[in-house]
N, C-alpha and C. Protein backbone atom coordinates (compact mmCIF):
# COMPACT_ATOMS: atom_id res chain seq x y z
N MET A 1 120.91 41.75 -16.76
CA MET A 1 119.74 42.04 -17.26
C MET A 1 119.04 40.86 -18.23
N ILE A 2 119.89 40.22 -19.01
CA ILE A 2 119.66 39.23 -19.71
C ILE A 2 119.13 38.14 -18.86
N SER A 3 119.82 37.86 -17.61
CA SER A 3 119.60 36.83 -16.71
C SER A 3 118.03 37.00 -16.13
N GLU A 4 117.83 38.29 -15.78
CA GLU A 4 116.56 38.89 -15.23
C GLU A 4 115.23 38.56 -16.32
N PHE A 5 115.61 38.73 -17.49
CA PHE A 5 114.58 38.61 -18.39
C PHE A 5 114.22 37.12 -18.61
N LYS A 6 115.42 36.20 -18.69
CA LYS A 6 115.40 35.00 -18.99
C LYS A 6 114.42 34.20 -17.59
N LYS A 7 114.70 34.61 -16.51
CA LYS A 7 113.98 34.42 -15.27
C LYS A 7 112.27 34.74 -15.39
N GLU A 8 112.04 35.72 -16.00
CA GLU A 8 110.81 36.42 -15.82
C GLU A 8 110.19 35.58 -17.12
N PHE A 9 111.02 35.21 -18.21
CA PHE A 9 110.45 34.60 -19.15
C PHE A 9 110.06 33.16 -18.76
N GLU A 10 110.67 32.60 -18.17
CA GLU A 10 110.74 30.99 -17.55
C GLU A 10 109.42 31.20 -16.60
N ARG A 11 109.24 32.33 -15.63
CA ARG A 11 108.18 32.35 -14.75
C ARG A 11 107.05 32.57 -15.54
N ARG A 12 107.02 33.12 -16.58
CA ARG A 12 105.60 33.53 -17.55
C ARG A 12 105.37 32.21 -18.21
N GLN A 13 106.41 31.47 -18.73
CA GLN A 13 106.24 30.17 -19.40
C GLN A 13 105.27 29.23 -18.24
N GLY A 14 105.95 29.36 -17.15
CA GLY A 14 105.50 28.11 -16.24
C GLY A 14 103.97 28.76 -15.89
N ARG A 15 103.80 29.91 -15.87
CA ARG A 15 102.41 30.47 -15.36
C ARG A 15 101.44 29.95 -16.71
N LYS A 16 101.96 30.11 -17.90
CA LYS A 16 101.13 29.80 -19.07
C LYS A 16 100.63 28.20 -19.12
N GLU A 17 101.90 27.46 -18.72
CA GLU A 17 101.52 26.12 -18.80
C GLU A 17 100.51 25.94 -17.61
N GLN A 18 100.67 26.40 -16.45
CA GLN A 18 99.71 26.05 -15.39
C GLN A 18 98.46 26.45 -15.82
N LEU A 19 98.32 27.80 -16.34
CA LEU A 19 96.85 28.34 -16.94
C LEU A 19 96.38 27.35 -17.92
N SER A 20 97.21 26.60 -18.72
CA SER A 20 96.71 25.70 -19.94
C SER A 20 96.12 24.42 -19.26
N ALA A 21 96.85 24.14 -18.24
CA ALA A 21 96.56 22.65 -17.59
C ALA A 21 95.20 23.09 -16.88
N ASP A 22 95.22 24.14 -16.17
CA ASP A 22 93.78 24.61 -15.65
C ASP A 22 92.85 24.56 -16.28
N LEU A 23 93.20 25.27 -17.74
CA LEU A 23 91.90 25.55 -18.48
C LEU A 23 91.42 24.09 -19.28
N LEU A 24 92.43 23.13 -19.35
CA LEU A 24 92.03 21.86 -19.70
C LEU A 24 91.30 21.26 -18.64
N LYS A 25 91.49 21.41 -17.44
CA LYS A 25 90.64 20.72 -16.48
C LYS A 25 89.29 21.15 -16.58
N SER A 26 89.28 22.63 -16.72
CA SER A 26 87.97 23.18 -16.74
C SER A 26 86.92 22.70 -17.90
N HIS A 27 87.59 22.53 -18.92
CA HIS A 27 86.86 22.19 -20.07
C HIS A 27 86.42 20.78 -20.01
N GLU A 28 87.48 19.74 -19.52
CA GLU A 28 86.88 18.59 -18.98
C GLU A 28 85.84 18.56 -18.06
N ALA A 29 85.92 19.49 -16.99
CA ALA A 29 84.93 19.57 -16.01
C ALA A 29 83.35 20.00 -16.76
N ILE A 30 83.56 20.81 -17.58
CA ILE A 30 82.47 21.61 -18.24
C ILE A 30 81.83 20.34 -19.05
N ASP A 31 82.77 19.79 -19.79
CA ASP A 31 82.17 18.28 -20.70
C ASP A 31 81.46 17.46 -19.71
N GLY A 32 82.03 17.21 -18.65
CA GLY A 32 81.33 16.57 -17.47
C GLY A 32 80.17 16.84 -17.02
N LEU A 33 80.03 18.14 -16.85
CA LEU A 33 78.57 18.80 -16.31
C LEU A 33 77.69 18.48 -17.50
N ILE A 34 78.17 18.80 -18.68
CA ILE A 34 77.11 18.76 -20.09
C ILE A 34 76.67 17.28 -20.01
N ARG A 35 77.41 16.32 -19.88
CA ARG A 35 77.12 14.95 -20.13
C ARG A 35 76.01 14.59 -18.80
N ARG A 36 76.50 15.15 -17.59
CA ARG A 36 75.54 14.74 -16.31
C ARG A 36 74.24 15.54 -16.72
N ALA A 37 74.17 16.68 -17.38
CA ALA A 37 73.21 17.40 -17.54
C ALA A 37 72.19 16.57 -18.52
N ARG A 38 72.78 15.99 -19.64
CA ARG A 38 72.11 15.16 -20.58
C ARG A 38 71.35 13.86 -19.86
N TRP A 39 72.09 13.30 -18.94
CA TRP A 39 71.71 12.07 -18.33
C TRP A 39 70.51 12.72 -17.50
N PHE A 40 70.63 13.79 -16.71
CA PHE A 40 69.67 14.11 -16.05
C PHE A 40 68.40 14.25 -16.71
N GLU A 41 68.43 14.98 -17.93
CA GLU A 41 67.21 15.19 -18.81
C GLU A 41 66.66 14.10 -19.35
N GLU A 42 67.61 13.14 -19.81
CA GLU A 42 67.07 11.86 -20.03
C GLU A 42 66.33 11.13 -19.01
N ALA A 43 66.78 11.18 -17.74
CA ALA A 43 66.21 10.24 -16.54
C ALA A 43 64.93 11.00 -16.34
N GLN A 44 64.87 12.49 -16.32
CA GLN A 44 63.66 13.04 -16.12
C GLN A 44 62.48 12.79 -17.11
N THR A 45 62.97 12.75 -18.49
CA THR A 45 62.01 12.17 -19.41
C THR A 45 61.56 10.85 -19.11
N ILE A 46 62.37 9.83 -18.79
CA ILE A 46 61.89 8.51 -18.33
C ILE A 46 60.81 8.69 -17.23
N ILE A 47 61.45 9.32 -16.06
CA ILE A 47 60.64 9.06 -14.98
C ILE A 47 59.11 10.15 -15.38
N GLN A 48 59.10 10.93 -16.04
CA GLN A 48 57.74 11.52 -16.51
C GLN A 48 57.11 10.64 -17.33
N ASN A 49 57.62 9.76 -18.22
CA ASN A 49 56.95 8.80 -19.06
C ASN A 49 56.63 7.87 -18.17
N VAL A 50 57.20 7.22 -17.30
CA VAL A 50 56.67 6.20 -16.35
C VAL A 50 55.63 6.77 -15.37
N ALA A 51 55.75 8.20 -15.12
CA ALA A 51 54.63 8.66 -14.30
C ALA A 51 53.31 8.83 -14.99
N GLN A 52 53.45 9.18 -16.20
CA GLN A 52 52.09 9.19 -16.93
C GLN A 52 51.61 7.91 -17.44
N ILE A 53 52.30 6.93 -17.49
CA ILE A 53 51.70 5.34 -17.64
C ILE A 53 51.11 5.08 -16.32
N THR A 54 51.86 5.30 -15.29
CA THR A 54 51.19 5.01 -14.11
C THR A 54 49.92 5.74 -13.74
N GLN A 55 49.87 7.03 -13.97
CA GLN A 55 48.61 7.75 -13.70
C GLN A 55 47.48 7.28 -14.58
N LYS A 56 47.63 7.04 -15.89
CA LYS A 56 47.02 6.27 -16.56
C LYS A 56 46.02 4.92 -16.08
N GLU A 57 47.10 4.26 -15.72
CA GLU A 57 46.76 2.95 -15.00
C GLU A 57 45.80 2.97 -13.77
N LEU A 58 46.24 4.19 -12.88
CA LEU A 58 45.53 4.50 -11.81
C LEU A 58 44.38 5.13 -12.01
N GLU A 59 44.19 5.66 -13.22
CA GLU A 59 42.83 6.45 -13.58
C GLU A 59 41.93 5.32 -13.95
N TYR A 60 42.46 4.36 -14.75
CA TYR A 60 41.63 3.10 -15.20
C TYR A 60 41.19 2.24 -14.05
N HIS A 61 42.14 2.09 -13.05
CA HIS A 61 41.76 0.99 -12.05
C HIS A 61 40.63 1.73 -10.93
N VAL A 62 40.85 3.04 -10.55
CA VAL A 62 40.26 3.49 -9.54
C VAL A 62 39.04 3.98 -10.00
N GLY A 63 38.91 4.53 -11.30
CA GLY A 63 37.95 4.95 -11.72
C GLY A 63 37.03 3.77 -12.32
N GLU A 64 37.49 2.74 -12.77
CA GLU A 64 36.60 1.68 -13.39
C GLU A 64 35.69 1.01 -11.93
N LEU A 65 36.52 0.82 -10.88
CA LEU A 65 36.12 0.21 -9.77
C LEU A 65 34.83 1.08 -9.33
N VAL A 66 35.08 2.38 -9.09
CA VAL A 66 33.92 3.16 -8.67
C VAL A 66 32.83 3.20 -9.40
N THR A 67 33.19 3.28 -10.88
CA THR A 67 32.08 3.26 -11.72
C THR A 67 31.28 2.05 -11.55
N LEU A 68 31.89 0.98 -11.36
CA LEU A 68 31.23 -0.49 -11.36
C LEU A 68 30.31 -0.57 -9.93
N ALA A 69 31.02 0.04 -9.02
CA ALA A 69 30.08 0.07 -7.73
C ALA A 69 28.87 0.86 -7.96
N MET A 70 29.18 2.19 -8.51
CA MET A 70 27.94 2.94 -8.84
C MET A 70 26.85 2.42 -9.76
N ALA A 71 27.38 1.41 -10.54
CA ALA A 71 26.17 0.71 -11.42
C ALA A 71 25.60 -0.34 -10.90
N ALA A 72 26.22 -0.90 -9.70
CA ALA A 72 25.57 -1.86 -9.07
C ALA A 72 24.45 -1.31 -8.45
N VAL A 73 24.33 0.10 -8.01
CA VAL A 73 23.47 0.42 -7.01
C VAL A 73 22.48 1.38 -7.53
N PHE A 74 22.99 2.16 -8.78
CA PHE A 74 21.92 3.18 -9.28
C PHE A 74 21.46 2.85 -10.80
N GLU A 75 20.03 3.27 -11.03
CA GLU A 75 19.78 3.02 -12.46
C GLU A 75 20.40 3.69 -13.50
N ASP A 76 20.67 5.11 -13.01
CA ASP A 76 21.32 5.96 -14.00
C ASP A 76 22.70 6.48 -13.43
N PRO A 77 23.67 5.48 -13.42
CA PRO A 77 24.65 5.87 -12.46
C PRO A 77 25.71 7.01 -12.91
N TYR A 78 26.47 7.77 -12.11
CA TYR A 78 27.50 8.62 -12.48
C TYR A 78 28.83 7.38 -12.73
N ALA A 79 29.51 7.81 -13.66
CA ALA A 79 30.76 7.45 -13.69
C ALA A 79 31.95 8.31 -12.79
N LEU A 80 33.15 7.77 -12.56
CA LEU A 80 33.91 8.45 -11.85
C LEU A 80 35.16 8.81 -12.82
N ASP A 81 35.54 10.05 -12.98
CA ASP A 81 36.70 10.55 -13.91
C ASP A 81 37.85 10.94 -12.94
N VAL A 82 38.90 10.52 -12.90
CA VAL A 82 40.09 10.71 -12.29
C VAL A 82 41.06 11.32 -13.23
N GLU A 83 41.43 12.87 -12.76
CA GLU A 83 42.34 13.51 -13.53
C GLU A 83 43.55 13.74 -12.82
N PHE A 84 44.91 13.59 -13.09
CA PHE A 84 45.98 14.18 -12.44
C PHE A 84 46.50 15.44 -13.13
N VAL A 85 46.65 16.48 -12.53
CA VAL A 85 47.02 17.71 -13.10
C VAL A 85 48.01 18.39 -12.09
N GLN A 86 48.91 19.17 -12.98
CA GLN A 86 49.94 19.94 -12.28
C GLN A 86 49.60 21.22 -11.82
N ARG A 87 49.77 21.49 -10.60
CA ARG A 87 49.58 22.59 -10.12
C ARG A 87 50.68 23.09 -9.09
N ARG A 88 51.22 24.26 -9.01
CA ARG A 88 52.23 24.86 -8.27
C ARG A 88 53.56 23.91 -8.35
N GLY A 89 53.71 23.50 -9.32
CA GLY A 89 54.77 22.36 -9.46
C GLY A 89 54.61 20.84 -8.80
N ARG A 90 53.46 20.46 -8.47
CA ARG A 90 53.05 19.30 -7.94
C ARG A 90 51.89 18.61 -8.76
N THR A 91 52.00 17.22 -8.51
CA THR A 91 50.80 16.67 -9.11
C THR A 91 49.74 16.50 -8.17
N GLU A 92 48.52 16.99 -8.65
CA GLU A 92 47.03 16.79 -7.75
C GLU A 92 46.31 15.90 -8.55
N THR A 93 45.32 15.51 -7.77
CA THR A 93 44.30 14.67 -8.46
C THR A 93 42.89 15.24 -8.28
N ASP A 94 42.29 15.16 -9.40
CA ASP A 94 40.74 15.74 -9.28
C ASP A 94 39.73 14.64 -9.45
N LEU A 95 38.77 14.44 -9.09
CA LEU A 95 37.87 13.38 -8.86
C LEU A 95 36.38 14.11 -9.30
N TRP A 96 35.78 13.65 -10.37
CA TRP A 96 34.55 14.24 -11.14
C TRP A 96 33.56 13.09 -11.29
N PHE A 97 32.30 13.44 -10.94
CA PHE A 97 31.36 12.64 -11.41
C PHE A 97 31.02 12.99 -12.73
N SER A 98 30.82 12.02 -13.84
CA SER A 98 30.27 12.36 -15.05
C SER A 98 29.25 11.36 -15.40
N ARG A 99 28.22 12.14 -16.47
CA ARG A 99 27.04 11.60 -16.92
C ARG A 99 26.61 12.24 -17.96
N ASP A 100 26.43 11.55 -18.92
CA ASP A 100 26.11 12.03 -20.45
C ASP A 100 26.74 13.45 -20.91
N GLY A 101 28.45 13.11 -20.95
CA GLY A 101 28.93 14.23 -21.27
C GLY A 101 29.26 15.53 -20.26
N SER A 102 28.69 15.43 -19.25
CA SER A 102 29.03 16.64 -18.32
C SER A 102 29.39 16.12 -16.86
N GLN A 103 30.52 16.90 -16.47
CA GLN A 103 31.26 16.70 -15.09
C GLN A 103 30.57 17.52 -14.24
N VAL A 104 30.26 17.08 -12.81
CA VAL A 104 29.79 17.51 -11.71
C VAL A 104 30.97 17.41 -10.45
N ASP A 105 31.11 18.18 -9.63
CA ASP A 105 31.91 18.17 -8.43
C ASP A 105 31.09 17.30 -7.46
N PRO A 106 31.71 16.03 -7.06
CA PRO A 106 31.12 15.12 -6.24
C PRO A 106 30.39 15.64 -4.98
N MET A 107 31.30 16.51 -4.22
CA MET A 107 30.97 16.96 -3.02
C MET A 107 29.72 18.18 -2.93
N THR A 108 29.50 18.92 -4.27
CA THR A 108 28.44 19.99 -4.47
C THR A 108 27.18 19.66 -5.13
N ALA A 109 27.63 18.72 -6.13
CA ALA A 109 26.31 18.73 -6.95
C ALA A 109 25.87 17.26 -7.30
N SER A 110 25.90 16.47 -6.05
CA SER A 110 25.40 15.33 -6.21
C SER A 110 24.85 14.79 -5.04
N GLY A 111 24.06 13.69 -4.87
CA GLY A 111 23.30 13.24 -3.74
C GLY A 111 24.41 12.60 -2.77
N GLY A 112 24.07 12.55 -1.51
CA GLY A 112 24.92 11.87 -0.32
C GLY A 112 25.12 10.29 -0.67
N GLY A 113 24.22 10.01 -1.26
CA GLY A 113 24.51 8.44 -1.71
C GLY A 113 25.34 8.00 -2.59
N ALA A 114 25.50 9.02 -3.49
CA ALA A 114 26.27 8.64 -4.53
C ALA A 114 27.58 9.00 -3.82
N VAL A 115 28.02 9.80 -3.09
CA VAL A 115 29.22 10.03 -2.54
C VAL A 115 29.70 9.10 -1.66
N ASP A 116 28.56 8.27 -0.95
CA ASP A 116 28.75 7.32 0.10
C ASP A 116 29.44 6.04 -0.67
N VAL A 117 28.59 5.63 -1.97
CA VAL A 117 28.97 4.42 -2.77
C VAL A 117 30.54 4.88 -3.35
N ALA A 118 30.64 6.03 -3.94
CA ALA A 118 31.86 6.13 -4.54
C ALA A 118 33.15 6.24 -3.14
N SER A 119 32.85 6.77 -2.10
CA SER A 119 33.62 6.91 -1.17
C SER A 119 34.23 5.43 -0.62
N PHE A 120 33.14 4.61 -0.57
CA PHE A 120 33.36 3.11 -0.25
C PHE A 120 34.19 2.23 -1.34
N ALA A 121 33.86 2.62 -2.76
CA ALA A 121 34.62 1.96 -3.73
C ALA A 121 36.00 2.29 -3.73
N LEU A 122 36.21 3.74 -3.55
CA LEU A 122 37.77 4.32 -3.50
C LEU A 122 38.51 3.71 -2.25
N ARG A 123 37.99 3.61 -1.26
CA ARG A 123 38.75 2.88 0.00
C ARG A 123 39.03 1.50 -0.61
N VAL A 124 38.17 0.92 -1.02
CA VAL A 124 38.48 -0.51 -1.35
C VAL A 124 39.63 -0.49 -2.54
N ALA A 125 39.47 0.52 -3.37
CA ALA A 125 40.50 0.67 -4.50
C ALA A 125 41.94 1.06 -3.99
N LEU A 126 42.00 1.82 -3.11
CA LEU A 126 43.21 2.22 -2.54
C LEU A 126 43.91 1.00 -1.86
N TRP A 127 42.92 0.22 -0.99
CA TRP A 127 43.43 -0.81 -0.18
C TRP A 127 43.99 -1.91 -1.08
N SER A 128 43.51 -2.02 -2.28
CA SER A 128 43.81 -3.06 -3.21
C SER A 128 45.11 -2.63 -3.90
N LEU A 129 45.41 -1.14 -3.89
CA LEU A 129 46.47 -0.92 -4.48
C LEU A 129 47.99 -0.91 -3.85
N ALA A 130 47.78 -0.82 -2.52
CA ALA A 130 48.88 -1.01 -1.43
C ALA A 130 49.68 -1.82 -1.72
N PRO A 131 51.30 -1.43 -1.88
CA PRO A 131 52.18 -2.33 -2.09
C PRO A 131 52.11 -3.72 -0.91
N LYS A 132 52.11 -3.31 0.23
CA LYS A 132 52.30 -4.00 1.37
C LYS A 132 50.74 -4.00 1.91
N ARG A 133 49.89 -4.67 1.61
CA ARG A 133 48.46 -4.63 2.16
C ARG A 133 48.40 -5.16 3.72
N THR A 134 47.45 -4.47 4.53
CA THR A 134 47.26 -4.86 5.73
C THR A 134 46.46 -5.94 5.66
N ARG A 135 46.15 -6.55 6.70
CA ARG A 135 45.32 -7.92 6.64
C ARG A 135 43.88 -7.42 6.11
N PRO A 136 43.33 -8.36 5.30
CA PRO A 136 42.18 -8.21 4.39
C PRO A 136 41.02 -7.72 5.15
N THR A 137 41.02 -6.76 6.02
CA THR A 137 40.01 -6.38 6.87
C THR A 137 39.66 -4.88 6.57
N LEU A 138 38.65 -4.26 6.49
CA LEU A 138 38.40 -2.99 6.48
C LEU A 138 36.96 -2.75 7.72
N VAL A 139 37.40 -1.59 8.55
CA VAL A 139 36.13 -1.41 9.44
C VAL A 139 35.73 -0.07 8.99
N MET A 140 34.40 -0.08 9.01
CA MET A 140 33.73 1.22 8.57
C MET A 140 32.67 1.68 9.44
N ASP A 141 32.34 3.03 9.66
CA ASP A 141 31.12 3.43 10.40
C ASP A 141 30.14 3.87 9.55
N GLU A 142 29.07 3.36 9.32
CA GLU A 142 27.73 3.81 8.50
C GLU A 142 28.70 4.20 6.95
N PRO A 143 29.14 3.35 6.41
CA PRO A 143 29.64 3.68 4.91
C PRO A 143 28.42 3.98 3.87
N LEU A 144 27.25 3.56 4.14
CA LEU A 144 26.33 4.08 3.16
C LEU A 144 25.23 4.68 3.97
N LYS A 145 25.29 5.60 4.82
CA LYS A 145 24.14 5.94 5.58
C LYS A 145 23.37 7.14 4.90
N TRP A 146 23.84 7.70 4.05
CA TRP A 146 23.00 8.55 2.84
C TRP A 146 22.53 7.89 1.76
N LEU A 147 22.63 6.68 1.55
CA LEU A 147 21.95 5.93 0.55
C LEU A 147 20.53 5.44 1.05
N LYS A 148 19.55 6.38 0.60
CA LYS A 148 18.25 5.80 0.99
C LYS A 148 17.16 6.23 -0.01
N GLY A 149 16.20 5.50 0.27
CA GLY A 149 15.02 5.37 -0.80
C GLY A 149 14.94 4.13 -1.54
N GLY A 150 13.75 3.62 -1.58
CA GLY A 150 13.26 2.50 -2.64
C GLY A 150 14.45 1.30 -2.09
N GLU A 151 14.83 0.80 -3.37
CA GLU A 151 15.80 -0.31 -3.11
C GLU A 151 17.16 -0.12 -2.91
N LEU A 152 17.54 1.12 -2.85
CA LEU A 152 18.94 1.54 -2.98
C LEU A 152 19.67 1.04 -1.61
N PRO A 153 19.35 0.91 -0.29
CA PRO A 153 19.92 0.30 0.62
C PRO A 153 20.23 -1.11 0.48
N GLU A 154 19.27 -1.82 0.06
CA GLU A 154 19.43 -3.11 -0.24
C GLU A 154 20.42 -3.51 -1.45
N LYS A 155 20.38 -2.56 -2.40
CA LYS A 155 21.40 -2.75 -3.62
C LYS A 155 22.84 -2.41 -2.96
N GLY A 156 22.98 -1.50 -2.06
CA GLY A 156 24.22 -1.00 -1.55
C GLY A 156 24.75 -2.39 -0.71
N ALA A 157 23.83 -2.91 0.09
CA ALA A 157 24.22 -4.13 0.84
C ALA A 157 24.88 -5.25 -0.19
N ARG A 158 24.12 -5.40 -1.29
CA ARG A 158 24.51 -6.26 -1.98
C ARG A 158 25.88 -6.06 -2.70
N MET A 159 26.38 -4.83 -3.15
CA MET A 159 27.31 -4.29 -3.62
C MET A 159 28.53 -4.58 -2.87
N ILE A 160 28.32 -4.21 -1.46
CA ILE A 160 29.30 -4.52 -0.47
C ILE A 160 29.60 -5.91 -0.35
N LYS A 161 28.52 -6.60 -0.24
CA LYS A 161 28.74 -8.32 -0.07
C LYS A 161 29.56 -8.83 -1.24
N GLU A 162 29.37 -8.38 -2.39
CA GLU A 162 29.88 -8.74 -3.76
C GLU A 162 31.58 -8.51 -3.91
N ILE A 163 31.58 -7.32 -3.56
CA ILE A 163 33.21 -6.81 -3.46
C ILE A 163 33.88 -7.61 -2.26
N SER A 164 33.25 -7.77 -1.22
CA SER A 164 33.84 -8.60 -0.19
C SER A 164 34.09 -9.94 -0.72
N GLU A 165 33.29 -10.67 -1.29
CA GLU A 165 33.47 -12.06 -1.58
C GLU A 165 34.53 -11.97 -3.03
N ARG A 166 34.56 -11.03 -3.92
CA ARG A 166 35.33 -11.27 -4.82
C ARG A 166 36.80 -10.97 -4.51
N LEU A 167 36.74 -10.09 -3.64
CA LEU A 167 38.50 -9.77 -3.27
C LEU A 167 38.73 -10.30 -1.95
N GLY A 168 38.04 -11.17 -1.55
CA GLY A 168 38.37 -11.92 -0.23
C GLY A 168 38.67 -10.78 1.06
N LEU A 169 37.70 -10.04 1.15
CA LEU A 169 38.01 -8.65 1.82
C LEU A 169 36.79 -8.78 3.16
N GLN A 170 37.36 -8.86 4.28
CA GLN A 170 36.24 -8.78 5.31
C GLN A 170 35.97 -7.62 5.56
N ILE A 171 34.62 -7.13 5.70
CA ILE A 171 34.20 -5.90 5.90
C ILE A 171 33.57 -5.79 6.99
N ILE A 172 33.99 -5.05 8.15
CA ILE A 172 33.27 -5.03 9.39
C ILE A 172 32.55 -3.54 9.63
N MET A 173 31.31 -3.43 9.50
CA MET A 173 30.71 -1.95 9.57
C MET A 173 29.56 -1.95 10.58
N ILE A 174 29.32 -0.85 10.90
CA ILE A 174 28.39 -0.01 11.59
C ILE A 174 27.08 0.44 11.04
N SER A 175 25.95 -0.13 11.01
CA SER A 175 24.86 0.53 10.46
C SER A 175 23.58 0.15 11.14
N HIS A 176 22.72 1.13 11.08
CA HIS A 176 21.42 1.02 11.80
C HIS A 176 20.29 0.88 10.47
N ILE A 177 20.83 0.67 9.25
CA ILE A 177 19.71 0.57 8.60
C ILE A 177 19.49 -0.81 8.19
N PRO A 178 18.37 -1.43 8.45
CA PRO A 178 17.83 -2.77 8.41
C PRO A 178 18.09 -3.54 7.33
N ASP A 179 17.84 -2.84 6.05
CA ASP A 179 18.34 -3.66 4.61
C ASP A 179 19.67 -3.52 4.26
N GLN A 180 20.42 -2.91 5.09
CA GLN A 180 22.00 -3.08 4.65
C GLN A 180 22.43 -4.04 5.65
N ILE A 181 21.87 -4.31 6.87
CA ILE A 181 22.25 -5.21 7.81
C ILE A 181 22.05 -6.80 7.32
N GLU A 182 20.67 -6.88 6.76
CA GLU A 182 20.11 -8.11 6.63
C GLU A 182 21.20 -8.90 5.70
N GLY A 183 21.98 -8.61 4.64
CA GLY A 183 22.93 -9.24 3.73
C GLY A 183 24.26 -9.82 4.66
N ALA A 184 24.43 -9.31 5.95
CA ALA A 184 25.59 -9.56 6.57
C ALA A 184 25.84 -10.99 6.87
N ASP A 185 26.92 -11.82 6.70
CA ASP A 185 27.15 -12.95 7.39
C ASP A 185 26.85 -13.16 8.63
N ARG A 186 27.15 -12.14 9.44
CA ARG A 186 27.09 -12.23 10.81
C ARG A 186 26.81 -10.94 11.37
N ARG A 187 25.82 -10.71 12.27
CA ARG A 187 25.44 -9.51 12.71
C ARG A 187 25.48 -9.50 14.39
N ILE A 188 25.87 -8.39 14.85
CA ILE A 188 25.90 -8.08 16.34
C ILE A 188 25.08 -7.00 16.55
N GLY A 189 24.18 -7.06 17.42
CA GLY A 189 23.37 -6.12 17.67
C GLY A 189 23.70 -5.46 19.08
N VAL A 190 23.77 -4.04 19.09
CA VAL A 190 24.18 -3.37 20.42
C VAL A 190 23.06 -2.61 20.92
N SER A 191 22.63 -2.90 22.10
CA SER A 191 21.55 -2.00 22.90
C SER A 191 22.17 -1.46 24.04
N MET A 192 21.50 -0.65 24.71
CA MET A 192 21.91 0.03 25.83
C MET A 192 20.89 -0.21 27.03
N ARG A 193 21.30 -0.95 28.07
CA ARG A 193 20.36 -1.26 29.36
C ARG A 193 21.06 -0.85 30.60
N SER A 194 20.30 0.22 31.23
CA SER A 194 21.16 0.76 32.38
C SER A 194 22.11 1.41 32.21
N GLY A 195 22.53 1.85 31.09
CA GLY A 195 23.81 2.67 31.08
C GLY A 195 25.14 1.56 30.38
N VAL A 196 24.64 0.34 30.23
CA VAL A 196 25.57 -0.55 29.79
C VAL A 196 25.18 -1.32 28.63
N SER A 197 26.25 -1.16 27.61
CA SER A 197 26.13 -1.70 26.16
C SER A 197 25.94 -3.27 26.26
N GLN A 198 24.99 -3.82 25.73
CA GLN A 198 24.78 -5.21 25.52
C GLN A 198 24.83 -5.67 24.29
N LEU A 199 25.56 -7.00 23.77
CA LEU A 199 25.77 -7.51 22.69
C LEU A 199 24.81 -8.59 22.41
N ASN A 200 24.18 -8.69 20.96
CA ASN A 200 23.54 -9.89 20.86
C ASN A 200 23.77 -10.32 19.51
N ALA A 201 24.49 -11.40 19.43
CA ALA A 201 25.15 -11.98 18.13
C ALA A 201 24.13 -12.81 17.46
N SER A 202 24.00 -12.73 16.12
CA SER A 202 23.16 -13.68 15.23
C SER A 202 23.80 -14.02 14.01
């Protein structure tokens, strides 16, 4: 009877030691998970801070370039506001035209010419931000086709030429607007004769 009691005691003592060892490992694992969670939270905070700084720089770089392009063409230009917002757990970008303290949706509340100038400047801005840029050449089809009236086409052509020269960016564009074609370094006319395209360089 005593021997059986002793065996049971030893068995339970061994079980207790095993449970104590398991409990110690569990505590160590929990401590490790808590440390990793803290590291994750710190890393997430750093990433969020870097993202906010990057977004502010993008807002300035993109918005400033578009605003300068608009000012080169229009007497009372819009400025471009770039806003990064969180929607459905993702960062999205809102673009607004602003003037005199009010914002308007570029696609519904402004003329096509303003949208054309902004679109052109946005494309140049995105090209300039690319980490591995393509060759310094942009090919565009009628980039300022809605820029009409008075001196606007000519101002648009001067704006394109100035951006091209300052950034060392070759711009190949198609246009049917004489005032936009005149400022080009080289012009190639295309005409149709008997169903065949004819090229005339000047």
